[in-house]
């Protein structure tokens, strides 16, 4: 029997199911199916966990950005609160002519 014919015989037996009946593995087919099922569940579980971890990491980055934005707004509001407090103190003292600018800043052009 030539090597090519031997390979073709093995190939057709393997994909045709003849290898299973020749070796008596048909009695253990339920166990093989069970092992296949366990391996499939293990792979699916691993992919699901990886997907969840990726979502958690993405959410942590979003939370970090929101915290930064919150702190920026907090600093901005604190600055506004101090400005209004200082303006009230100046008006309350009565001896100053300081006030907030009414016109936008102008550009000075030097020739």
C-alpha atoms as a PDB file:
ATOM      1  CA  UNK A   1       0.000   0.000   0.000  1.00  0.00           C
ATOM      2  CA  UNK A   2       1.488   3.329  -1.026  1.00  0.00           C
ATOM      3  CA  UNK A   3       1.887   6.263   1.355  1.00  0.00           C
ATOM      4  CA  UNK A   4      -0.590   8.358  -0.588  1.00  0.00           C
ATOM      5  CA  UNK A   5      -3.242   5.629  -0.519  1.00  0.00           C
ATOM      6  CA  UNK A   6      -2.589   5.004   3.174  1.00  0.00           C
ATOM      7  CA  UNK A   7      -3.007   8.723   3.937  1.00  0.00           C
ATOM      8  CA  UNK A   8      -6.215   8.930   1.891  1.00  0.00           C
ATOM      9  CA  UNK A   9      -7.590   5.874   3.706  1.00  0.00           C
ATOM     10  CA  UNK A  10      -6.794   7.393   7.081  1.00  0.00           C
ATOM     11  CA  UNK A  11      -8.203  10.763   5.958  1.00  0.00           C
ATOM     12  CA  UNK A  12     -11.531   9.271   4.849  1.00  0.00           C
ATOM     13  CA  UNK A  13     -11.732   7.125   8.000  1.00  0.00           C
ATOM     14  CA  UNK A  14     -11.053  10.134  10.220  1.00  0.00           C
ATOM     15  CA  UNK A  15     -13.598  12.475   8.652  1.00  0.00           C
ATOM     16  CA  UNK A  16     -16.096   9.771   7.756  1.00  0.00           C
ATOM     17  CA  UNK A  17     -16.319   8.406  11.299  1.00  0.00           C
ATOM     18  CA  UNK A  18     -14.800   5.026  10.492  1.00  0.00           C
ATOM     19  CA  UNK A  19     -11.902   5.670  12.866  1.00  0.00           C
ATOM     20  CA  UNK A  20     -14.320   5.890  15.779  1.00  0.00           C
ATOM     21  CA  UNK A  21     -15.935   2.515  15.059  1.00  0.00           C
ATOM     22  CA  UNK A  22     -12.630   0.767  14.257  1.00  0.00           C
ATOM     23  CA  UNK A  23     -11.128   1.713  17.597  1.00  0.00           C
ATOM     24  CA  UNK A  24     -14.278   1.037  19.623  1.00  0.00           C
ATOM     25  CA  UNK A  25     -14.689   4.644  20.640  1.00  0.00           C
ATOM     26  CA  UNK A  26     -18.394   4.652  19.798  1.00  0.00           C
ATOM     27  CA  UNK A  27     -19.095   3.347  23.309  1.00  0.00           C
ATOM     28  CA  UNK A  28     -17.366   6.373  24.810  1.00  0.00           C
ATOM     29  CA  UNK A  29     -18.988   8.940  22.537  1.00  0.00           C
ATOM     30  CA  UNK A  30     -21.043  10.405  25.379  1.00  0.00           C
ATOM     31  CA  UNK A  31     -17.882  11.019  27.411  1.00  0.00           C
ATOM     32  CA  UNK A  32     -16.176  12.637  24.411  1.00  0.00           C
ATOM     33  CA  UNK A  33     -19.214  14.860  23.887  1.00  0.00           C
ATOM     34  CA  UNK A  34     -19.188  15.765  27.592  1.00  0.00           C
ATOM     35  CA  UNK A  35     -15.488  16.723  27.415  1.00  0.00           C
ATOM     36  CA  UNK A  36     -16.168  18.819  24.314  1.00  0.00           C
ATOM     37  CA  UNK A  37     -19.017  20.541  26.145  1.00  0.00           C
ATOM     38  CA  UNK A  38     -16.817  21.282  29.175  1.00  0.00           C
ATOM     39  CA  UNK A  39     -14.056  22.720  27.000  1.00  0.00           C
ATOM     40  CA  UNK A  40     -16.592  24.876  25.142  1.00  0.00           C
ATOM     41  CA  UNK A  41     -18.062  26.203  28.397  1.00  0.00           C
ATOM     42  CA  UNK A  42     -14.550  26.955  29.692  1.00  0.00           C
ATOM     43  CA  UNK A  43     -13.673  28.938  26.557  1.00  0.00           C
ATOM     44  CA  UNK A  44     -16.971  30.843  26.547  1.00  0.00           C
ATOM     45  CA  UNK A  45     -16.565  31.663  30.257  1.00  0.00           C
ATOM     46  CA  UNK A  46     -13.040  32.970  29.674  1.00  0.00           C
ATOM     47  CA  UNK A  47     -14.184  35.188  26.800  1.00  0.00           C
ATOM     48  CA  UNK A  48     -17.094  36.506  28.861  1.00  0.00           C
ATOM     49  CA  UNK A  49     -14.832  37.347  31.810  1.00  0.00           C
ATOM     50  CA  UNK A  50     -12.356  39.082  29.488  1.00  0.00           C
ATOM     51  CA  UNK A  51     -15.194  41.134  27.981  1.00  0.00           C
ATOM     52  CA  UNK A  52     -16.393  42.172  31.446  1.00  0.00           C
ATOM     53  CA  UNK A  53     -12.861  43.151  32.501  1.00  0.00           C
ATOM     54  CA  UNK A  54     -12.499  45.290  29.365  1.00  0.00           C
ATOM     55  CA  UNK A  55     -15.799  47.017  30.178  1.00  0.00           C
ATOM     56  CA  UNK A  56     -14.649  47.632  33.772  1.00  0.00           C
ATOM     57  CA  UNK A  57     -11.376  49.166  32.581  1.00  0.00           C
ATOM     58  CA  UNK A  58     -13.253  51.398  30.137  1.00  0.00           C
ATOM     59  CA  UNK A  59     -15.639  52.516  32.892  1.00  0.00           C
ATOM     60  CA  UNK A  60     -12.709  53.279  35.212  1.00  0.00           C
ATOM     61  CA  UNK A  61     -11.206  55.561  32.558  1.00  0.00           C
ATOM     62  CA  UNK A  62     -14.557  57.333  32.109  1.00  0.00           C
ATOM     63  CA  UNK A  63     -14.872  57.765  35.886  1.00  0.00           C
ATOM     64  CA  UNK A  64     -11.375  59.241  36.065  1.00  0.00           C
ATOM     65  CA  UNK A  65     -12.265  61.759  33.340  1.00  0.00           C
ATOM     66  CA  UNK A  66     -15.488  62.665  35.149  1.00  0.00           C
ATOM     67  CA  UNK A  67     -13.592  63.167  38.417  1.00  0.00           C
ATOM     68  CA  UNK A  68     -11.168  65.516  36.681  1.00  0.00           C
ATOM     69  CA  UNK A  69     -14.063  67.435  35.148  1.00  0.00           C
ATOM     70  CA  UNK A  70     -15.777  67.640  38.538  1.00  0.00           C
ATOM     71  CA  UNK A  71     -12.660  69.032  40.216  1.00  0.00           C
ATOM     72  CA  UNK A  72     -12.208  71.616  37.447  1.00  0.00           C
ATOM     73  CA  UNK A  73     -15.812  72.793  37.871  1.00  0.00           C
ATOM     74  CA  UNK A  74     -15.410  72.838  41.637  1.00  0.00           C
ATOM     75  CA  UNK A  75     -12.310  75.032  41.360  1.00  0.00           C
ATOM     76  CA  UNK A  76     -14.082  77.324  38.904  1.00  0.00           C
ATOM     77  CA  UNK A  77     -17.105  77.715  41.222  1.00  0.00           C
ATOM     78  CA  UNK A  78     -14.867  78.266  44.233  1.00  0.00           C
ATOM     79  CA  UNK A  79     -13.103  81.037  42.326  1.00  0.00           C
ATOM     80  CA  UNK A  80     -16.448  82.648  41.448  1.00  0.00           C
ATOM     81  CA  UNK A  81     -17.532  82.449  45.075  1.00  0.00           C
ATOM     82  CA  UNK A  82     -14.358  84.211  46.225  1.00  0.00           C
ATOM     83  CA  UNK A  83     -14.771  86.892  43.571  1.00  0.00           C
ATOM     84  CA  UNK A  84     -18.335  87.701  44.635  1.00  0.00           C
ATOM     85  CA  UNK A  85     -17.291  87.664  48.288  1.00  0.00           C
ATOM     86  CA  UNK A  86     -14.447  90.109  47.604  1.00  0.00           C
ATOM     87  CA  UNK A  87     -16.763  92.362  45.577  1.00  0.00           C
ATOM     88  CA  UNK A  88     -19.240  92.392  48.480  1.00  0.00           C
ATOM     89  CA  UNK A  89     -16.447  93.250  50.914  1.00  0.00           C
ATOM     90  CA  UNK A  90     -15.283  96.119  48.683  1.00  0.00           C
ATOM     91  CA  UNK A  91     -18.788  97.480  48.268  1.00  0.00           C
ATOM     92  CA  UNK A  92     -19.385  97.077  52.007  1.00  0.00           C
ATOM     93  CA  UNK A  93     -16.292  99.084  52.901  1.00  0.00           C
ATOM     94  CA  UNK A  94     -17.597 101.961  50.755  1.00  0.00           C
ATOM     95  CA  UNK A  95     -14.246 103.580  50.128  1.00  0.00           C
ATOM     96  CA  UNK A  96     -13.319 101.992  46.791  1.00  0.00           C
ATOM     97  CA  UNK A  97     -14.204 102.563  43.187  1.00  0.00           C
ATOM     98  CA  UNK A  98     -13.182  99.096  42.009  1.00  0.00           C
ATOM     99  CA  UNK A  99     -15.730  97.187  39.981  1.00  0.00           C
ATOM    100  CA  UNK A 100     -15.854  94.377  37.415  1.00  0.00           C
ATOM    101  CA  UNK A 101     -14.959  95.441  33.868  1.00  0.00           C
ATOM    102  CA  UNK A 102     -17.913  96.323  31.682  1.00  0.00           C
ATOM    103  CA  UNK A 103     -16.184  96.319  28.290  1.00  0.00           C
ATOM    104  CA  UNK A 104     -14.277  93.404  26.841  1.00  0.00           C
ATOM    105  CA  UNK A 105     -10.486  93.752  26.785  1.00  0.00           C
ATOM    106  CA  UNK A 106      -9.033  95.679  23.872  1.00  0.00           C
ATOM    107  CA  UNK A 107      -5.909  94.883  21.933  1.00  0.00           C
ATOM    108  CA  UNK A 108      -3.235  97.517  21.976  1.00  0.00           C
ATOM    109  CA  UNK A 109      -1.337  97.802  18.706  1.00  0.00           C
ATOM    110  CA  UNK A 110       2.118  99.319  18.926  1.00  0.00           C
ATOM    111  CA  UNK A 111       3.623 100.567  15.696  1.00  0.00           C
END
